[in-house]
C-alpha cells in the first residue's frame, strides 16, 4: 500500500479485503495499492510474493487482525510460489512490525 506516497506493508488474511474507512481511520488517508509495475522496485519482491521478511528498513510492516483467528498463517515467502507456515504470534515476534491493525472486511465470521 501507499500512505502519503510512502510504501507500507499490511499483512492480512487471504479472504479479507481492504476496507477504505477502516484503513483511513488507521493511516489517515485512503488506501492506494502500489502500482504493479513498481512493486518489485519498491519492496524487492515481485507482485504475489511480497512478504514481511527481509523488507527494506524504511518500509513499515503492519499485521491485520484478520489473521488472529487462525492457528497458522501462510504469508508469502518472497515469490508467488513460496509461503511460510507460522503462527500469528510468531509472525509478530520475528518481523519488525508496527503492531496489529484492523483494516479489512469480508472475513468476519457470522455471529
PDB file of N, CA and C in Angstrom:
ATOM      1  N   UNK A   1       0.842  -1.172   0.000  1.00  0.00           N
ATOM      2  CA  UNK A   1       0.000   0.000   0.000  1.00  0.00           C
ATOM      3  C   UNK A   1       0.888   1.236   0.000  1.00  0.00           C
ATOM      4  N   UNK A   2       0.309   2.337  -0.431  1.00  0.00           N
ATOM      5  CA  UNK A   2       0.991   3.616  -0.347  1.00  0.00           C
ATOM      6  C   UNK A   2       0.249   4.509   0.630  1.00  0.00           C
ATOM      7  N   UNK A   3       0.985   5.100   1.541  1.00  0.00           N
ATOM      8  CA  UNK A   3       0.450   6.058   2.505  1.00  0.00           C
ATOM      9  C   UNK A   3       1.283   7.322   2.345  1.00  0.00           C
ATOM     10  N   UNK A   4       0.631   8.376   1.864  1.00  0.00           N
ATOM     11  CA  UNK A   4       1.329   9.633   1.583  1.00  0.00           C
ATOM     12  C   UNK A   4       2.547   9.387   0.696  1.00  0.00           C
ATOM     13  N   UNK A   5       2.354   8.608  -0.362  1.00  0.00           N
ATOM     14  CA  UNK A   5       3.388   8.268  -1.345  1.00  0.00           C
ATOM     15  C   UNK A   5       4.553   7.468  -0.781  1.00  0.00           C
ATOM     16  N   UNK A   6       4.384   6.893   0.425  1.00  0.00           N
ATOM     17  CA  UNK A   6       5.420   6.041   1.017  1.00  0.00           C
ATOM     18  C   UNK A   6       4.855   4.637   1.162  1.00  0.00           C
ATOM     19  N   UNK A   7       5.661   3.608   0.890  1.00  0.00           N
ATOM     20  CA  UNK A   7       5.153   2.235   0.969  1.00  0.00           C
ATOM     21  C   UNK A   7       4.941   1.765   2.408  1.00  0.00           C
ATOM     22  N   UNK A   8       3.918   0.971   2.582  1.00  0.00           N
ATOM     23  CA  UNK A   8       3.572   0.324   3.850  1.00  0.00           C
ATOM     24  C   UNK A   8       3.122  -1.084   3.498  1.00  0.00           C
ATOM     25  N   UNK A   9       3.603  -2.078   4.232  1.00  0.00           N
ATOM     26  CA  UNK A   9       3.140  -3.447   4.023  1.00  0.00           C
ATOM     27  C   UNK A   9       2.118  -3.772   5.104  1.00  0.00           C
ATOM     28  N   UNK A  10       0.941  -4.215   4.662  1.00  0.00           N
ATOM     29  CA  UNK A  10      -0.097  -4.671   5.584  1.00  0.00           C
ATOM     30  C   UNK A  10      -0.326  -6.149   5.262  1.00  0.00           C
ATOM     31  N   UNK A  11       0.041  -7.027   6.188  1.00  0.00           N
ATOM     32  CA  UNK A  11      -0.138  -8.461   6.003  1.00  0.00           C
ATOM     33  C   UNK A  11      -1.534  -8.802   6.524  1.00  0.00           C
ATOM     34  N   UNK A  12      -2.351  -9.423   5.666  1.00  0.00           N
ATOM     35  CA  UNK A  12      -3.733  -9.714   6.049  1.00  0.00           C
ATOM     36  C   UNK A  12      -4.134 -11.103   5.571  1.00  0.00           C
ATOM     37  N   UNK A  13      -5.219 -11.603   6.118  1.00  0.00           N
ATOM     38  CA  UNK A  13      -5.748 -12.902   5.696  1.00  0.00           C
ATOM     39  C   UNK A  13      -6.153 -12.835   4.231  1.00  0.00           C
ATOM     40  N   UNK A  14      -5.998 -13.948   3.540  1.00  0.00           N
ATOM     41  CA  UNK A  14      -6.301 -14.003   2.120  1.00  0.00           C
ATOM     42  C   UNK A  14      -7.757 -13.783   1.774  1.00  0.00           C
ATOM     43  N   UNK A  15      -8.657 -14.000   2.739  1.00  0.00           N
ATOM     44  CA  UNK A  15     -10.078 -13.804   2.461  1.00  0.00           C
ATOM     45  C   UNK A  15     -10.559 -12.417   2.854  1.00  0.00           C
ATOM     46  N   UNK A  16      -9.666 -11.558   3.292  1.00  0.00           N
ATOM     47  CA  UNK A  16     -10.028 -10.195   3.656  1.00  0.00           C
ATOM     48  C   UNK A  16      -9.801  -9.234   2.499  1.00  0.00           C
ATOM     49  N   UNK A  17     -10.554  -8.168   2.499  1.00  0.00           N
ATOM     50  CA  UNK A  17     -10.391  -7.093   1.524  1.00  0.00           C
ATOM     51  C   UNK A  17     -10.208  -5.803   2.308  1.00  0.00           C
ATOM     52  N   UNK A  18      -9.407  -4.908   1.786  1.00  0.00           N
ATOM     53  CA  UNK A  18      -9.177  -3.646   2.481  1.00  0.00           C
ATOM     54  C   UNK A  18     -10.476  -2.859   2.542  1.00  0.00           C
ATOM     55  N   UNK A  19     -10.825  -2.402   3.732  1.00  0.00           N
ATOM     56  CA  UNK A  19     -11.989  -1.558   3.963  1.00  0.00           C
ATOM     57  C   UNK A  19     -11.494  -0.116   4.003  1.00  0.00           C
ATOM     58  N   UNK A  20     -11.969   0.710   3.085  1.00  0.00           N
ATOM     59  CA  UNK A  20     -11.476   2.083   2.967  1.00  0.00           C
ATOM     60  C   UNK A  20     -11.617   2.884   4.251  1.00  0.00           C
ATOM     61  N   UNK A  21     -12.778   2.802   4.902  1.00  0.00           N
ATOM     62  CA  UNK A  21     -12.970   3.610   6.112  1.00  0.00           C
ATOM     63  C   UNK A  21     -12.103   3.117   7.265  1.00  0.00           C
ATOM     64  N   UNK A  22     -11.940   1.803   7.414  1.00  0.00           N
ATOM     65  CA  UNK A  22     -11.059   1.279   8.460  1.00  0.00           C
ATOM     66  C   UNK A  22      -9.608   1.678   8.186  1.00  0.00           C
ATOM     67  N   UNK A  23      -9.193   1.568   6.918  1.00  0.00           N
ATOM     68  CA  UNK A  23      -7.830   1.940   6.541  1.00  0.00           C
ATOM     69  C   UNK A  23      -7.589   3.414   6.849  1.00  0.00           C
ATOM     70  N   UNK A  24      -8.540   4.247   6.463  1.00  0.00           N
ATOM     71  CA  UNK A  24      -8.394   5.687   6.684  1.00  0.00           C
ATOM     72  C   UNK A  24      -8.330   6.028   8.168  1.00  0.00           C
ATOM     73  N   UNK A  25      -9.053   5.279   9.012  1.00  0.00           N
ATOM     74  CA  UNK A  25      -9.014   5.559  10.453  1.00  0.00           C
ATOM     75  C   UNK A  25      -7.655   5.229  11.062  1.00  0.00           C
ATOM     76  N   UNK A  26      -6.927   4.288  10.461  1.00  0.00           N
ATOM     77  CA  UNK A  26      -5.598   3.917  10.956  1.00  0.00           C
ATOM     78  C   UNK A  26      -4.508   4.783  10.324  1.00  0.00           C
ATOM     79  N   UNK A  27      -4.571   4.955   9.008  1.00  0.00           N
ATOM     80  CA  UNK A  27      -3.485   5.601   8.277  1.00  0.00           C
ATOM     81  C   UNK A  27      -3.794   7.042   7.841  1.00  0.00           C
ATOM     82  N   UNK A  28      -5.008   7.509   8.109  1.00  0.00           N
ATOM     83  CA  UNK A  28      -5.418   8.897   7.845  1.00  0.00           C
ATOM     84  C   UNK A  28      -5.361   9.272   6.364  1.00  0.00           C
ATOM     85  N   UNK A  29      -5.555   8.290   5.516  1.00  0.00           N
ATOM     86  CA  UNK A  29      -5.633   8.504   4.079  1.00  0.00           C
ATOM     87  C   UNK A  29      -6.363   7.326   3.445  1.00  0.00           C
ATOM     88  N   UNK A  30      -6.848   7.508   2.240  1.00  0.00           N
ATOM     89  CA  UNK A  30      -7.493   6.416   1.521  1.00  0.00           C
ATOM     90  C   UNK A  30      -6.445   5.376   1.135  1.00  0.00           C
ATOM     91  N   UNK A  31      -6.844   4.105   1.041  1.00  0.00           N
ATOM     92  CA  UNK A  31      -5.881   3.076   0.628  1.00  0.00           C
ATOM     93  C   UNK A  31      -5.550   3.178  -0.860  1.00  0.00           C
ATOM     94  N   UNK A  32      -4.281   3.043  -1.160  1.00  0.00           N
ATOM     95  CA  UNK A  32      -3.810   3.029  -2.545  1.00  0.00           C
ATOM     96  C   UNK A  32      -2.791   1.905  -2.675  1.00  0.00           C
ATOM     97  N   UNK A  33      -3.036   1.030  -3.624  1.00  0.00           N
ATOM     98  CA  UNK A  33      -2.080  -0.047  -3.889  1.00  0.00           C
ATOM     99  C   UNK A  33      -0.875   0.522  -4.635  1.00  0.00           C
ATOM    100  N   UNK A  34       0.282  -0.069  -4.379  1.00  0.00           N
ATOM    101  CA  UNK A  34       1.463   0.277  -5.158  1.00  0.00           C
ATOM    102  C   UNK A  34       1.200  -0.209  -6.587  1.00  0.00           C
ATOM    103  N   UNK A  35       1.428   0.619  -7.598  1.00  0.00           N
ATOM    104  CA  UNK A  35       1.224   0.141  -8.971  1.00  0.00           C
ATOM    105  C   UNK A  35       2.045  -1.127  -9.227  1.00  0.00           C
ATOM    106  N   UNK A  36       1.415  -2.092  -9.859  1.00  0.00           N
ATOM    107  CA  UNK A  36       2.022  -3.413 -10.072  1.00  0.00           C
ATOM    108  C   UNK A  36       3.429  -3.334 -10.670  1.00  0.00           C
ATOM    109  N   UNK A  37       3.633  -2.426 -11.608  1.00  0.00           N
ATOM    110  CA  UNK A  37       4.942  -2.329 -12.256  1.00  0.00           C
ATOM    111  C   UNK A  37       6.013  -1.688 -11.368  1.00  0.00           C
ATOM    112  N   UNK A  38       5.624  -1.216 -10.179  1.00  0.00           N
ATOM    113  CA  UNK A  38       6.574  -0.605  -9.251  1.00  0.00           C
ATOM    114  C   UNK A  38       6.831  -1.449  -8.002  1.00  0.00           C
ATOM    115  N   UNK A  39       6.053  -2.515  -7.832  1.00  0.00           N
ATOM    116  CA  UNK A  39       6.126  -3.319  -6.607  1.00  0.00           C
ATOM    117  C   UNK A  39       7.535  -3.851  -6.353  1.00  0.00           C
ATOM    118  N   UNK A  40       8.153  -4.464  -7.344  1.00  0.00           N
ATOM    119  CA  UNK A  40       9.472  -5.058  -7.134  1.00  0.00           C
ATOM    120  C   UNK A  40      10.534  -3.991  -6.846  1.00  0.00           C
ATOM    121  N   UNK A  41      10.483  -2.876  -7.559  1.00  0.00           N
ATOM    122  CA  UNK A  41      11.456  -1.810  -7.314  1.00  0.00           C
ATOM    123  C   UNK A  41      11.337  -1.257  -5.894  1.00  0.00           C
ATOM    124  N   UNK A  42      10.127  -1.164  -5.390  1.00  0.00           N
ATOM    125  CA  UNK A  42       9.901  -0.571  -4.069  1.00  0.00           C
ATOM    126  C   UNK A  42      10.151  -1.564  -2.943  1.00  0.00           C
ATOM    127  N   UNK A  43       9.652  -2.802  -3.088  1.00  0.00           N
ATOM    128  CA  UNK A  43       9.705  -3.767  -1.973  1.00  0.00           C
ATOM    129  C   UNK A  43      10.841  -4.776  -2.081  1.00  0.00           C
ATOM    130  N   UNK A  44      11.330  -4.977  -3.295  1.00  0.00           N
ATOM    131  CA  UNK A  44      12.325  -6.025  -3.517  1.00  0.00           C
ATOM    132  C   UNK A  44      11.700  -7.358  -3.859  1.00  0.00           C
ATOM    133  N   UNK A  45      10.367  -7.410  -3.893  1.00  0.00           N
ATOM    134  CA  UNK A  45       9.637  -8.641  -4.188  1.00  0.00           C
ATOM    135  C   UNK A  45       8.702  -8.420  -5.365  1.00  0.00           C
ATOM    136  N   UNK A  46       8.485  -9.477  -6.143  1.00  0.00           N
ATOM    137  CA  UNK A  46       7.542  -9.410  -7.250  1.00  0.00           C
ATOM    138  C   UNK A  46       6.118  -9.429  -6.711  1.00  0.00           C
ATOM    139  N   UNK A  47       5.160  -8.878  -7.465  1.00  0.00           N
ATOM    140  CA  UNK A  47       3.756  -8.981  -7.053  1.00  0.00           C
ATOM    141  C   UNK A  47       3.389 -10.445  -6.806  1.00  0.00           C
ATOM    142  N   UNK A  48       2.679 -10.708  -5.736  1.00  0.00           N
ATOM    143  CA  UNK A  48       2.308 -12.066  -5.365  1.00  0.00           C
ATOM    144  C   UNK A  48       3.296 -12.702  -4.412  1.00  0.00           C
ATOM    145  N   UNK A  49       4.445 -12.077  -4.242  1.00  0.00           N
ATOM    146  CA  UNK A  49       5.468 -12.628  -3.363  1.00  0.00           C
ATOM    147  C   UNK A  49       5.919 -11.671  -2.272  1.00  0.00           C
ATOM    148  N   UNK A  50       5.278 -10.502  -2.187  1.00  0.00           N
ATOM    149  CA  UNK A  50       5.660  -9.532  -1.164  1.00  0.00           C
ATOM    150  C   UNK A  50       5.430 -10.155   0.208  1.00  0.00           C
ATOM    151  N   UNK A  51       6.466 -10.144   1.022  1.00  0.00           N
ATOM    152  CA  UNK A  51       6.384 -10.802   2.321  1.00  0.00           C
ATOM    153  C   UNK A  51       6.894  -9.883   3.422  1.00  0.00           C
ATOM    154  N   UNK A  52       6.661 -10.237   4.670  1.00  0.00           N
ATOM    155  CA  UNK A  52       7.106  -9.402   5.783  1.00  0.00           C
ATOM    156  C   UNK A  52       8.524  -9.702   6.260  1.00  0.00           C
ATOM    157  N   UNK A  53       9.284 -10.456   5.478  1.00  0.00           N
ATOM    158  CA  UNK A  53      10.642 -10.833   5.846  1.00  0.00           C
ATOM    159  C   UNK A  53      11.637 -10.146   4.916  1.00  0.00           C
ATOM    160  N   UNK A  54      12.748  -9.690   5.439  1.00  0.00           N
ATOM    161  CA  UNK A  54      13.805  -9.057   4.645  1.00  0.00           C
ATOM    162  C   UNK A  54      13.282  -7.861   3.853  1.00  0.00           C
ATOM    163  N   UNK A  55      12.405  -7.110   4.472  1.00  0.00           N
ATOM    164  CA  UNK A  55      11.821  -5.919   3.858  1.00  0.00           C
ATOM    165  C   UNK A  55      12.785  -4.746   4.060  1.00  0.00           C
ATOM    166  N   UNK A  56      12.919  -3.866   3.088  1.00  0.00           N
ATOM    167  CA  UNK A  56      13.755  -2.688   3.312  1.00  0.00           C
ATOM    168  C   UNK A  56      13.349  -1.970   4.604  1.00  0.00           C
ATOM    169  N   UNK A  57      14.328  -1.548   5.371  1.00  0.00           N
ATOM    170  CA  UNK A  57      14.101  -0.996   6.713  1.00  0.00           C
ATOM    171  C   UNK A  57      13.139   0.185   6.736  1.00  0.00           C
ATOM    172  N   UNK A  58      13.083   0.943   5.654  1.00  0.00           N
ATOM    173  CA  UNK A  58      12.230   2.135   5.652  1.00  0.00           C
ATOM    174  C   UNK A  58      10.752   1.826   5.401  1.00  0.00           C
ATOM    175  N   UNK A  59      10.414   0.556   5.142  1.00  0.00           N
ATOM    176  CA  UNK A  59       9.014   0.180   4.898  1.00  0.00           C
ATOM    177  C   UNK A  59       8.415  -0.414   6.172  1.00  0.00           C
ATOM    178  N   UNK A  60       7.449   0.286   6.781  1.00  0.00           N
ATOM    179  CA  UNK A  60       6.814  -0.269   7.978  1.00  0.00           C
ATOM    180  C   UNK A  60       5.914  -1.454   7.638  1.00  0.00           C
ATOM    181  N   UNK A  61       5.839  -2.399   8.563  1.00  0.00           N
ATOM    182  CA  UNK A  61       5.016  -3.598   8.404  1.00  0.00           C
ATOM    183  C   UNK A  61       3.929  -3.584   9.464  1.00  0.00           C
ATOM    184  N   UNK A  62       2.707  -3.797   9.034  1.00  0.00           N
ATOM    185  CA  UNK A  62       1.554  -3.916   9.935  1.00  0.00           C
ATOM    186  C   UNK A  62       0.934  -5.293   9.724  1.00  0.00           C
ATOM    187  N   UNK A  63       0.363  -5.851  10.771  1.00  0.00           N
ATOM    188  CA  UNK A  63      -0.343  -7.132  10.706  1.00  0.00           C
ATOM    189  C   UNK A  63      -1.818  -6.868  10.963  1.00  0.00           C
ATOM    190  N   UNK A  64      -2.674  -7.379  10.102  1.00  0.00           N
ATOM    191  CA  UNK A  64      -4.112  -7.174  10.279  1.00  0.00           C
ATOM    192  C   UNK A  64      -4.695  -8.248  11.189  1.00  0.00           C
ATOM    193  N   UNK A  65      -5.653  -7.842  12.017  1.00  0.00           N
ATOM    194  CA  UNK A  65      -6.276  -8.755  12.977  1.00  0.00           C
ATOM    195  C   UNK A  65      -7.018  -9.904  12.312  1.00  0.00           C
ATOM    196  N   UNK A  66      -7.275  -9.811  11.012  1.00  0.00           N
ATOM    197  CA  UNK A  66      -7.962 -10.894  10.300  1.00  0.00           C
ATOM    198  C   UNK A  66      -7.189 -12.208  10.386  1.00  0.00           C
ATOM    199  N   UNK A  67      -5.902 -12.148  10.692  1.00  0.00           N
ATOM    200  CA  UNK A  67      -5.084 -13.369  10.790  1.00  0.00           C
ATOM    201  C   UNK A  67      -5.132 -14.012  12.161  1.00  0.00           C
ATOM    202  N   UNK A  68      -5.559 -13.294  13.173  1.00  0.00           N
ATOM    203  CA  UNK A  68      -5.509 -13.808  14.543  1.00  0.00           C
ATOM    204  C   UNK A  68      -6.424 -15.007  14.775  1.00  0.00           C
ATOM    205  N   UNK A  69      -7.402 -15.224  13.931  1.00  0.00           N
ATOM    206  CA  UNK A  69      -8.349 -16.337  14.133  1.00  0.00           C
ATOM    207  C   UNK A  69      -7.775 -17.681  13.703  1.00  0.00           C
ATOM    208  N   UNK A  70      -6.620 -17.672  13.050  1.00  0.00           N
ATOM    209  CA  UNK A  70      -6.010 -18.901  12.563  1.00  0.00           C
ATOM    210  C   UNK A  70      -4.902 -19.381  13.488  1.00  0.00           C
ATOM    211  N   UNK A  71      -4.775 -20.713  13.609  1.00  0.00           N
ATOM    212  CA  UNK A  71      -3.664 -21.277  14.366  1.00  0.00           C
ATOM    213  C   UNK A  71      -2.355 -21.017  13.622  1.00  0.00           C
ATOM    214  N   UNK A  72      -2.400 -21.187  12.300  1.00  0.00           N
ATOM    215  CA  UNK A  72      -1.236 -20.932  11.452  1.00  0.00           C
ATOM    216  C   UNK A  72      -1.652 -20.035  10.296  1.00  0.00           C
ATOM    217  N   UNK A  73      -0.740 -19.189   9.862  1.00  0.00           N
ATOM    218  CA  UNK A  73      -0.933 -18.372   8.674  1.00  0.00           C
ATOM    219  C   UNK A  73       0.194 -18.707   7.698  1.00  0.00           C
ATOM    220  N   UNK A  74       0.021 -18.324   6.450  1.00  0.00           N
ATOM    221  CA  UNK A  74       0.993 -18.657   5.407  1.00  0.00           C
ATOM    222  C   UNK A  74       1.349 -17.410   4.606  1.00  0.00           C
ATOM    223  N   UNK A  75       2.099 -16.480   5.188  1.00  0.00           N
ATOM    224  CA  UNK A  75       2.479 -15.293   4.414  1.00  0.00           C
ATOM    225  C   UNK A  75       3.411 -15.671   3.266  1.00  0.00           C
ATOM    226  N   UNK A  76       3.388 -14.850   2.233  1.00  0.00           N
ATOM    227  CA  UNK A  76       4.275 -15.074   1.089  1.00  0.00           C
ATOM    228  C   UNK A  76       5.712 -15.154   1.577  1.00  0.00           C
ATOM    229  N   UNK A  77       6.484 -15.929   0.860  1.00  0.00           N
ATOM    230  CA  UNK A  77       7.876 -16.130   1.236  1.00  0.00           C
ATOM    231  C   UNK A  77       8.861 -15.601   0.217  1.00  0.00           C
ATOM    232  N   UNK A  78       8.478 -14.592  -0.559  1.00  0.00           N
ATOM    233  CA  UNK A  78       9.413 -13.975  -1.478  1.00  0.00           C
ATOM    234  C   UNK A  78       9.052 -14.100  -2.942  1.00  0.00           C
ATOM    235  N   UNK A  79       8.183 -15.068  -3.270  1.00  0.00           N
ATOM    236  CA  UNK A  79       7.670 -15.167  -4.640  1.00  0.00           C
ATOM    237  C   UNK A  79       6.268 -15.765  -4.577  1.00  0.00           C
ATOM    238  N   UNK A  80       5.598 -15.805  -5.704  1.00  0.00           N
ATOM    239  CA  UNK A  80       4.202 -16.249  -5.701  1.00  0.00           C
ATOM    240  C   UNK A  80       4.026 -17.739  -5.445  1.00  0.00           C
ATOM    241  N   UNK A  81       5.110 -18.505  -5.427  1.00  0.00           N
ATOM    242  CA  UNK A  81       5.032 -19.947  -5.238  1.00  0.00           C
ATOM    243  C   UNK A  81       5.483 -20.404  -3.854  1.00  0.00           C
ATOM    244  N   UNK A  82       5.935 -19.478  -3.027  1.00  0.00           N
ATOM    245  CA  UNK A  82       6.507 -19.834  -1.734  1.00  0.00           C
ATOM    246  C   UNK A  82       5.758 -19.140  -0.609  1.00  0.00           C
ATOM    247  N   UNK A  83       5.486 -19.891   0.458  1.00  0.00           N
ATOM    248  CA  UNK A  83       4.907 -19.298   1.661  1.00  0.00           C
ATOM    249  C   UNK A  83       5.583 -19.924   2.878  1.00  0.00           C
ATOM    250  N   UNK A  84       5.316 -19.345   4.016  1.00  0.00           N
ATOM    251  CA  UNK A  84       5.910 -19.806   5.259  1.00  0.00           C
ATOM    252  C   UNK A  84       4.773 -20.128   6.229  1.00  0.00           C
ATOM    253  N   UNK A  85       4.786 -21.320   6.817  1.00  0.00           N
ATOM    254  CA  UNK A  85       3.777 -21.696   7.809  1.00  0.00           C
ATOM    255  C   UNK A  85       4.261 -21.213   9.173  1.00  0.00           C
ATOM    256  N   UNK A  86       3.456 -20.365   9.806  1.00  0.00           N
ATOM    257  CA  UNK A  86       3.868 -19.728  11.046  1.00  0.00           C
ATOM    258  C   UNK A  86       2.629 -19.318  11.841  1.00  0.00           C
ATOM    259  N   UNK A  87       2.729 -19.246  13.150  1.00  0.00           N
ATOM    260  CA  UNK A  87       1.593 -18.769  13.939  1.00  0.00           C
ATOM    261  C   UNK A  87       1.566 -17.242  13.878  1.00  0.00           C
ATOM    262  N   UNK A  88       0.400 -16.647  14.062  1.00  0.00           N
ATOM    263  CA  UNK A  88       0.345 -15.186  14.090  1.00  0.00           C
ATOM    264  C   UNK A  88       1.279 -14.580  15.148  1.00  0.00           C
ATOM    265  N   UNK A  89       1.364 -15.208  16.321  1.00  0.00           N
ATOM    266  CA  UNK A  89       2.253 -14.697  17.361  1.00  0.00           C
ATOM    267  C   UNK A  89       3.720 -14.769  16.937  1.00  0.00           C
ATOM    268  N   UNK A  90       4.103 -15.860  16.266  1.00  0.00           N
ATOM    269  CA  UNK A  90       5.479 -15.977  15.771  1.00  0.00           C
ATOM    270  C   UNK A  90       5.759 -14.927  14.699  1.00  0.00           C
ATOM    271  N   UNK A  91       4.766 -14.695  13.839  1.00  0.00           N
ATOM    272  CA  UNK A  91       4.912 -13.687  12.801  1.00  0.00           C
ATOM    273  C   UNK A  91       5.160 -12.311  13.426  1.00  0.00           C
ATOM    274  N   UNK A  92       4.400 -12.004  14.449  1.00  0.00           N
ATOM    275  CA  UNK A  92       4.583 -10.726  15.144  1.00  0.00           C
ATOM    276  C   UNK A  92       5.970 -10.649  15.776  1.00  0.00           C
ATOM    277  N   UNK A  93       6.397 -11.743  16.363  1.00  0.00           N
ATOM    278  CA  UNK A  93       7.673 -11.773  17.075  1.00  0.00           C
ATOM    279  C   UNK A  93       8.874 -11.611  16.148  1.00  0.00           C
ATOM    280  N   UNK A  94       8.854 -12.246  14.977  1.00  0.00           N
ATOM    281  CA  UNK A  94      10.056 -12.244  14.137  1.00  0.00           C
ATOM    282  C   UNK A  94      10.097 -11.131  13.087  1.00  0.00           C
ATOM    283  N   UNK A  95       8.978 -10.466  12.870  1.00  0.00           N
ATOM    284  CA  UNK A  95       9.004  -9.326  11.955  1.00  0.00           C
ATOM    285  C   UNK A  95       9.105  -8.061  12.791  1.00  0.00           C
ATOM    286  N   UNK A  96       9.657  -7.054  12.219  1.00  0.00           N
ATOM    287  CA  UNK A  96       9.751  -5.786  12.940  1.00  0.00           C
ATOM    288  C   UNK A  96       8.486  -4.990  12.657  1.00  0.00           C
ATOM    289  N   UNK A  97       7.374  -5.517  13.156  1.00  0.00           N
ATOM    290  CA  UNK A  97       6.069  -4.948  12.884  1.00  0.00           C
ATOM    291  C   UNK A  97       5.800  -3.694  13.713  1.00  0.00           C
ATOM    292  N   UNK A  98       4.968  -2.841  13.140  1.00  0.00           N
ATOM    293  CA  UNK A  98       4.497  -1.659  13.867  1.00  0.00           C
ATOM    294  C   UNK A  98       3.394  -2.049  14.844  1.00  0.00           C
ATOM    295  N   UNK A  99       2.825  -3.246  14.642  1.00  0.00           N
ATOM    296  CA  UNK A  99       1.753  -3.731  15.504  1.00  0.00           C
ATOM    297  C   UNK A  99       0.605  -4.288  14.687  1.00  0.00           C
ATOM    298  N   UNK A 100      -0.496  -4.519  15.387  1.00  0.00           N
ATOM    299  CA  UNK A 100      -1.705  -5.052  14.766  1.00  0.00           C
ATOM    300  C   UNK A 100      -2.626  -3.906  14.394  1.00  0.00           C
ATOM    301  N   UNK A 101      -3.324  -4.060  13.280  1.00  0.00           N
ATOM    302  CA  UNK A 101      -4.302  -3.069  12.853  1.00  0.00           C
ATOM    303  C   UNK A 101      -5.566  -3.810  12.416  1.00  0.00           C
ATOM    304  N   UNK A 102      -6.619  -3.066  12.176  1.00  0.00           N
ATOM    305  CA  UNK A 102      -7.886  -3.638  11.722  1.00  0.00           C
ATOM    306  C   UNK A 102      -8.332  -2.834  10.511  1.00  0.00           C
ATOM    307  N   UNK A 103      -7.934  -3.282   9.309  1.00  0.00           N
ATOM    308  CA  UNK A 103      -8.248  -2.538   8.092  1.00  0.00           C
ATOM    309  C   UNK A 103      -8.988  -3.376   7.050  1.00  0.00           C
ATOM    310  N   UNK A 104      -9.428  -4.577   7.405  1.00  0.00           N
ATOM    311  CA  UNK A 104     -10.062  -5.479   6.444  1.00  0.00           C
ATOM    312  C   UNK A 104     -11.534  -5.698   6.711  1.00  0.00           C
ATOM    313  N   UNK A 105     -12.229  -6.116   5.662  1.00  0.00           N
ATOM    314  CA  UNK A 105     -13.630  -6.531   5.761  1.00  0.00           C
ATOM    315  C   UNK A 105     -13.781  -7.830   4.992  1.00  0.00           C
ATOM    316  N   UNK A 106     -14.925  -8.470   5.165  1.00  0.00           N
ATOM    317  CA  UNK A 106     -15.238  -9.656   4.379  1.00  0.00           C
ATOM    318  C   UNK A 106     -14.790 -10.952   4.985  1.00  0.00           C
ATOM    319  N   UNK A 107     -14.019 -10.920   6.036  1.00  0.00           N
ATOM    320  CA  UNK A 107     -13.505 -12.134   6.642  1.00  0.00           C
ATOM    321  C   UNK A 107     -14.234 -12.479   7.943  1.00  0.00           C
ATOM    322  N   UNK A 108     -14.936 -11.515   8.503  1.00  0.00           N
ATOM    323  CA  UNK A 108     -15.553 -11.707   9.808  1.00  0.00           C
ATOM    324  C   UNK A 108     -16.502 -12.898   9.791  1.00  0.00           C
ATOM    325  N   UNK A 109     -16.411 -13.693  10.826  1.00  0.00           N
ATOM    326  CA  UNK A 109     -17.274 -14.874  10.939  1.00  0.00           C
ATOM    327  C   UNK A 109     -18.690 -14.446  11.290  1.00  0.00           C
ATOM    328  N   UNK A 110     -19.652 -15.186  10.776  1.00  0.00           N
ATOM    329  CA  UNK A 110     -21.055 -14.912  11.085  1.00  0.00           C
ATOM    330  C   UNK A 110     -21.308 -15.161  12.566  1.00  0.00           C
ATOM    331  N   UNK A 111     -22.096 -14.294  13.149  1.00  0.00           N
ATOM    332  CA  UNK A 111     -22.424 -14.472  14.567  1.00  0.00           C
ATOM    333  C   UNK A 111     -23.746 -15.140  14.728  1.00  0.00           C
TER     334      UNK A 111
END
